[in-house]
Amino acid sequence: MTAPELTEFDSLTPEEQARLRAAYALEMARHANTCSLDEKIARFNAWLEPQGITFSMDTLRPRHQAPMAR
């Protein structure tokens, strides 16, 4: 069985993004905080995946900024 394709978070409308961020904030208020950006992204992705959505570091980068070298 093939896993369903995930929708990129940044392809959602601003309203959909805001709704998901608000719902996620409520969920995370019940969990321990972290300062690690990698951990925050991993947690957000784990929460978004059952909803068919994925989030990447590229979403955080301003659109006019060149991608970081890896």
C-alpha atoms as a PDB file:
ATOM      1  CA  MET A   1       0.000   0.000   0.000  1.00  0.00           C
ATOM      2  CA  THR A   2       1.339   3.447  -0.937  1.00  0.00           C
ATOM      3  CA  ALA A   3       1.257   6.319   1.548  1.00  0.00           C
ATOM      4  CA  PRO A   4      -0.954   9.219   0.444  1.00  0.00           C
ATOM      5  CA  GLU A   5       0.794  12.297  -0.884  1.00  0.00           C
ATOM      6  CA  LEU A   6       1.012  15.101   1.649  1.00  0.00           C
ATOM      7  CA  THR A   7       0.029  18.703   0.946  1.00  0.00           C
ATOM      8  CA  GLU A   8       2.705  21.332   1.596  1.00  0.00           C
ATOM      9  CA  PHE A   9       1.724  23.670   4.421  1.00  0.00           C
ATOM     10  CA  ASP A  10       2.740  26.737   2.427  1.00  0.00           C
ATOM     11  CA  SER A  11       0.358  25.769  -0.394  1.00  0.00           C
ATOM     12  CA  LEU A  12      -2.605  26.213   1.975  1.00  0.00           C
ATOM     13  CA  THR A  13      -4.498  29.494   2.102  1.00  0.00           C
ATOM     14  CA  PRO A  14      -3.502  31.953   4.823  1.00  0.00           C
ATOM     15  CA  GLU A  15      -6.835  31.208   6.535  1.00  0.00           C
ATOM     16  CA  GLU A  16      -6.162  27.442   6.539  1.00  0.00           C
ATOM     17  CA  GLN A  17      -2.646  28.014   7.865  1.00  0.00           C
ATOM     18  CA  ALA A  18      -3.942  30.269  10.647  1.00  0.00           C
ATOM     19  CA  ARG A  19      -6.617  27.716  11.610  1.00  0.00           C
ATOM     20  CA  LEU A  20      -4.041  24.926  11.825  1.00  0.00           C
ATOM     21  CA  ARG A  21      -1.575  27.067  13.797  1.00  0.00           C
ATOM     22  CA  ALA A  22      -4.288  28.011  16.304  1.00  0.00           C
ATOM     23  CA  ALA A  23      -5.384  24.388  16.748  1.00  0.00           C
ATOM     24  CA  TYR A  24      -1.761  23.280  17.102  1.00  0.00           C
ATOM     25  CA  ALA A  25      -1.050  25.966  19.710  1.00  0.00           C
ATOM     26  CA  LEU A  26      -3.921  24.651  21.821  1.00  0.00           C
ATOM     27  CA  GLU A  27      -2.580  21.105  21.541  1.00  0.00           C
ATOM     28  CA  MET A  28       1.000  22.097  22.364  1.00  0.00           C
ATOM     29  CA  ALA A  29      -0.066  24.103  25.415  1.00  0.00           C
ATOM     30  CA  ARG A  30      -0.503  20.699  27.089  1.00  0.00           C
ATOM     31  CA  HIS A  31       3.054  19.567  26.312  1.00  0.00           C
ATOM     32  CA  ALA A  32       6.554  20.506  27.452  1.00  0.00           C
ATOM     33  CA  ASN A  33       8.156  23.434  25.656  1.00  0.00           C
ATOM     34  CA  THR A  34      11.305  23.120  23.569  1.00  0.00           C
ATOM     35  CA  CYS A  35      13.740  25.680  22.205  1.00  0.00           C
ATOM     36  CA  SER A  36      14.972  23.340  19.474  1.00  0.00           C
ATOM     37  CA  LEU A  37      13.691  24.463  16.064  1.00  0.00           C
ATOM     38  CA  ASP A  38      14.268  20.951  14.710  1.00  0.00           C
ATOM     39  CA  GLU A  39      12.132  19.497  17.520  1.00  0.00           C
ATOM     40  CA  LYS A  40       9.409  22.097  16.948  1.00  0.00           C
ATOM     41  CA  ILE A  41       9.261  21.259  13.233  1.00  0.00           C
ATOM     42  CA  ALA A  42       9.246  17.520  13.965  1.00  0.00           C
ATOM     43  CA  ARG A  43       6.372  17.933  16.436  1.00  0.00           C
ATOM     44  CA  PHE A  44       4.388  20.120  14.018  1.00  0.00           C
ATOM     45  CA  ASN A  45       4.907  17.595  11.206  1.00  0.00           C
ATOM     46  CA  ALA A  46       3.849  14.719  13.454  1.00  0.00           C
ATOM     47  CA  TRP A  47       0.675  16.639  14.282  1.00  0.00           C
ATOM     48  CA  LEU A  48       0.003  17.662  10.647  1.00  0.00           C
ATOM     49  CA  GLU A  49       0.691  14.296   8.991  1.00  0.00           C
ATOM     50  CA  PRO A  50      -2.593  12.597  10.002  1.00  0.00           C
ATOM     51  CA  GLN A  51      -4.312  15.575   8.364  1.00  0.00           C
ATOM     52  CA  GLY A  52      -2.430  14.973   5.096  1.00  0.00           C
ATOM     53  CA  ILE A  53      -0.153  18.011   5.454  1.00  0.00           C
ATOM     54  CA  THR A  54       3.610  18.445   5.717  1.00  0.00           C
ATOM     55  CA  PHE A  55       5.734  21.380   6.875  1.00  0.00           C
ATOM     56  CA  SER A  56       9.362  22.061   5.967  1.00  0.00           C
ATOM     57  CA  MET A  57      12.138  24.430   6.917  1.00  0.00           C
ATOM     58  CA  ASP A  58      11.709  26.054   3.484  1.00  0.00           C
ATOM     59  CA  THR A  59       8.345  27.381   4.670  1.00  0.00           C
ATOM     60  CA  LEU A  60      10.116  29.436   7.341  1.00  0.00           C
ATOM     61  CA  ARG A  61      12.509  31.096   4.901  1.00  0.00           C
ATOM     62  CA  PRO A  62      11.296  34.358   3.334  1.00  0.00           C
ATOM     63  CA  ARG A  63      10.384  33.761  -0.306  1.00  0.00           C
ATOM     64  CA  HIS A  64      12.900  36.347  -1.565  1.00  0.00           C
ATOM     65  CA  GLN A  65      15.818  34.724   0.300  1.00  0.00           C
ATOM     66  CA  ALA A  66      17.997  32.175  -1.470  1.00  0.00           C
ATOM     67  CA  PRO A  67      17.892  28.616  -0.087  1.00  0.00           C
ATOM     68  CA  MET A  68      20.534  27.711   2.470  1.00  0.00           C
ATOM     69  CA  ALA A  69      23.374  25.452   1.335  1.00  0.00           C
ATOM     70  CA  ARG A  70      23.146  21.956   2.747  1.00  0.00           C
END
